[in-house]
């Protein structure tokens, strides 16, 4: 029995959602297509009905992850404008919740080193996502269209990603927490 176009779109969306979660949890290379498709309730053979390659799925999962973190950060800022919105975003991102939520959150904090070694189209998607996140931050800084605001936003985003990544690596919970606190303190001075 042939699936309807709606069912096909829903199945593809489910595969992308599962992939985005599994890639953040286990890493790109440690996530096999068999396991991924099984978690999506499908067989590996069905994968190629939706995607040409795992690289295509990685790119789409990265884009989905960026879409979700952008929405989460915009939601965290809420109605706050300017520096208050910037601080709300930084506080939301650089948090123990983000550190401890390995299946959610930012794809850069979870998969950054693997994305750096991905194919060119995936890195292009990641680059666009990074620029989108810079815009989320820059629009809350003084003179948001200026190069200075974009530079501050890029610095802040790199610090935020680095803080969450390192806080996940550090075994000592107090030291992990201290990294988050120090970066937040510095971001609040921007």
Protein backbone atom coordinates (compact mmCIF):
# COMPACT_ATOMS: atom_id res chain seq x y z
CA UNK A 1 0.00 0.00 0.00
CA UNK A 2 1.42 3.34 -1.06
CA UNK A 3 1.73 6.11 1.51
CA UNK A 4 0.06 9.44 0.97
CA UNK A 5 2.18 12.55 0.48
CA UNK A 6 1.19 13.72 3.97
CA UNK A 7 2.33 10.44 5.51
CA UNK A 8 5.60 10.64 3.57
CA UNK A 9 6.24 14.17 4.85
CA UNK A 10 5.38 13.11 8.41
CA UNK A 11 7.72 10.11 8.18
CA UNK A 12 10.57 12.27 6.86
CA UNK A 13 9.98 14.78 9.69
CA UNK A 14 10.05 11.95 12.24
CA UNK A 15 13.36 10.67 10.86
CA UNK A 16 14.88 14.16 11.05
CA UNK A 17 13.62 14.67 14.61
CA UNK A 18 15.00 11.32 15.76
CA UNK A 19 18.30 11.98 13.97
CA UNK A 20 18.68 15.43 15.52
CA UNK A 21 18.14 13.96 18.99
CA UNK A 22 20.36 10.91 18.45
CA UNK A 23 23.19 12.90 16.86
CA UNK A 24 23.22 15.27 19.86
CA UNK A 25 23.07 12.36 22.30
CA UNK A 26 25.53 9.91 20.75
CA UNK A 27 27.42 11.91 18.14
CA UNK A 28 27.11 11.75 14.39
CA UNK A 29 29.56 8.96 13.73
CA UNK A 30 28.38 6.78 16.62
CA UNK A 31 24.80 6.93 15.37
CA UNK A 32 24.18 4.17 12.84
CA UNK A 33 21.37 4.25 10.33
CA UNK A 34 19.96 0.93 11.54
CA UNK A 35 19.54 2.18 15.12
CA UNK A 36 18.30 5.57 14.00
CA UNK A 37 15.65 4.12 11.70
CA UNK A 38 14.61 1.61 14.34
CA UNK A 39 14.06 4.44 16.83
CA UNK A 40 11.96 6.17 14.18
CA UNK A 41 9.89 2.98 13.87
CA UNK A 42 11.20 2.16 10.40
CA UNK A 43 13.67 -0.12 8.64
CA UNK A 44 16.99 0.93 7.16
CA UNK A 45 15.63 0.25 3.69
CA UNK A 46 13.11 3.03 4.17
CA UNK A 47 15.88 5.54 4.78
CA UNK A 48 16.77 5.85 1.11
CA UNK A 49 13.18 6.66 0.17
CA UNK A 50 13.64 9.93 2.06
CA UNK A 51 17.35 10.79 1.86
CA UNK A 52 20.15 10.34 -0.64
CA UNK A 53 22.76 9.85 2.08
CA UNK A 54 23.51 10.11 5.77
CA UNK A 55 25.26 13.40 4.99
CA UNK A 56 21.98 14.85 3.71
CA UNK A 57 20.26 13.75 6.92
CA UNK A 58 23.05 15.27 9.04
CA UNK A 59 22.62 18.62 7.28
CA UNK A 60 18.85 18.56 7.74
CA UNK A 61 19.13 17.48 11.37
CA UNK A 62 21.60 20.32 12.00
CA UNK A 63 19.20 22.82 10.40
CA UNK A 64 16.36 21.45 12.54
CA UNK A 65 18.51 21.77 15.67
CA UNK A 66 19.34 25.38 14.82
CA UNK A 67 15.67 26.18 14.19
CA UNK A 68 14.79 24.80 17.62
CA UNK A 69 17.57 26.60 19.52
CA UNK A 70 16.71 29.89 17.79
CA UNK A 71 13.07 29.49 18.83
CA UNK A 72 14.14 28.58 22.36
CA UNK A 73 16.40 31.63 22.64
CA UNK A 74 13.78 33.97 21.18
CA UNK A 75 11.30 32.55 23.67
CA UNK A 76 13.79 33.08 26.52
CA UNK A 77 14.17 36.73 25.55
CA UNK A 78 10.41 37.11 25.37
CA UNK A 79 9.39 40.73 25.31
CA UNK A 80 12.71 41.90 26.72
CA UNK A 81 14.60 44.18 24.39
CA UNK A 82 18.17 45.34 24.22
CA UNK A 83 20.63 44.20 26.86
CA UNK A 84 17.87 42.64 28.99
CA UNK A 85 16.96 40.34 26.09
CA UNK A 86 20.63 39.58 25.46
CA UNK A 87 21.14 38.63 29.13
CA UNK A 88 18.01 36.48 29.14
CA UNK A 89 19.33 34.58 26.12
CA UNK A 90 22.79 34.16 27.66
CA UNK A 91 21.28 32.98 30.96
CA UNK A 92 19.08 30.48 29.14
CA UNK A 93 21.86 29.11 26.94
CA UNK A 94 24.66 29.07 29.52
CA UNK A 95 22.76 27.04 32.06
CA UNK A 96 22.91 23.76 33.92
CA UNK A 97 19.67 22.79 32.15
CA UNK A 98 21.35 23.18 28.74
CA UNK A 99 24.47 21.42 30.03
CA UNK A 100 22.44 18.49 31.33
CA UNK A 101 20.07 18.15 28.38
CA UNK A 102 22.17 16.17 25.94
CA UNK A 103 19.35 15.34 23.52
CA UNK A 104 18.16 18.92 23.19
CA UNK A 105 19.76 22.28 22.98
CA UNK A 106 22.25 23.63 20.55
CA UNK A 107 23.69 21.36 17.87
CA UNK A 108 26.98 23.27 17.99
CA UNK A 109 27.55 22.50 21.67
CA UNK A 110 26.66 18.85 21.09
CA UNK A 111 28.22 18.13 17.69
CA UNK A 112 30.57 21.00 16.90
CA UNK A 113 33.76 18.98 16.45
CA UNK A 114 31.98 16.47 14.23
CA UNK A 115 30.31 19.20 12.19
CA UNK A 116 33.76 20.65 11.55
CA UNK A 117 34.65 17.40 9.76
CA UNK A 118 31.35 17.05 7.91
CA UNK A 119 30.91 17.46 4.18
CA UNK A 120 30.81 20.92 2.64
CA UNK A 121 27.01 21.13 2.34
CA UNK A 122 26.57 20.24 6.02
CA UNK A 123 29.18 22.82 7.03
CA UNK A 124 27.34 25.38 4.87
CA UNK A 125 24.10 24.61 6.75
CA UNK A 126 25.98 24.89 10.06
CA UNK A 127 27.52 28.20 8.94
CA UNK A 128 24.09 29.61 8.08
CA UNK A 129 22.82 28.45 11.47
CA UNK A 130 25.72 30.11 13.27
CA UNK A 131 24.98 33.36 11.41
CA UNK A 132 21.30 33.08 12.37
CA UNK A 133 22.26 32.72 16.04
CA UNK A 134 24.59 35.72 15.75
CA UNK A 135 21.63 37.74 14.47
CA UNK A 136 19.48 36.63 17.44
CA UNK A 137 22.13 38.09 19.76
CA UNK A 138 23.20 41.12 17.69
CA UNK A 139 19.67 42.51 17.41
CA UNK A 140 19.69 42.92 21.18
CA UNK A 141 22.93 44.90 21.31
CA UNK A 142 23.53 48.61 20.81
CA UNK A 143 23.41 49.53 17.12
CA UNK A 144 22.43 46.00 16.03
CA UNK A 145 23.28 46.54 12.36
CA UNK A 146 26.86 47.58 13.07
CA UNK A 147 29.92 45.42 12.60
CA UNK A 148 30.74 46.00 16.28
CA UNK A 149 27.43 44.42 17.36
CA UNK A 150 27.99 41.44 15.05
CA UNK A 151 31.53 41.03 16.40
CA UNK A 152 30.28 41.12 20.01
CA UNK A 153 27.51 38.68 19.15
CA UNK A 154 29.96 36.29 17.44
CA UNK A 155 32.27 36.46 20.44
CA UNK A 156 29.37 35.90 22.83
CA UNK A 157 28.03 32.96 20.84
CA UNK A 158 31.45 31.30 20.66
CA UNK A 159 31.86 31.79 24.42
CA UNK A 160 28.38 30.38 25.06
CA UNK A 161 28.99 27.30 22.92
CA UNK A 162 32.41 26.79 24.47
CA UNK A 163 31.06 27.15 28.01
CA UNK A 164 28.33 24.57 27.54
CA UNK A 165 30.67 22.20 25.71
CA UNK A 166 33.40 22.41 28.35
CA UNK A 167 30.92 22.22 31.22
CA UNK A 168 29.72 18.93 29.74
CA UNK A 169 33.29 17.61 29.51
CA UNK A 170 34.45 18.58 33.00
CA UNK A 171 33.83 15.73 35.46
CA UNK A 172 33.92 17.84 38.63
CA UNK A 173 30.40 19.32 38.93
CA UNK A 174 31.61 22.35 40.92
CA UNK A 175 34.23 23.15 38.28
CA UNK A 176 31.64 22.60 35.55
CA UNK A 177 29.27 25.02 37.25
CA UNK A 178 32.06 27.55 37.72
CA UNK A 179 32.72 27.60 33.97
CA UNK A 180 29.07 28.44 33.33
CA UNK A 181 29.06 31.15 36.00
CA UNK A 182 32.28 32.79 34.78
CA UNK A 183 31.14 32.94 31.19
CA UNK A 184 27.75 34.37 32.20
CA UNK A 185 29.50 37.03 34.28
CA UNK A 186 31.65 38.05 31.33
CA UNK A 187 28.70 38.05 28.94
CA UNK A 188 26.78 40.33 31.27
CA UNK A 189 29.49 42.97 30.79
CA UNK A 190 28.86 43.21 27.04
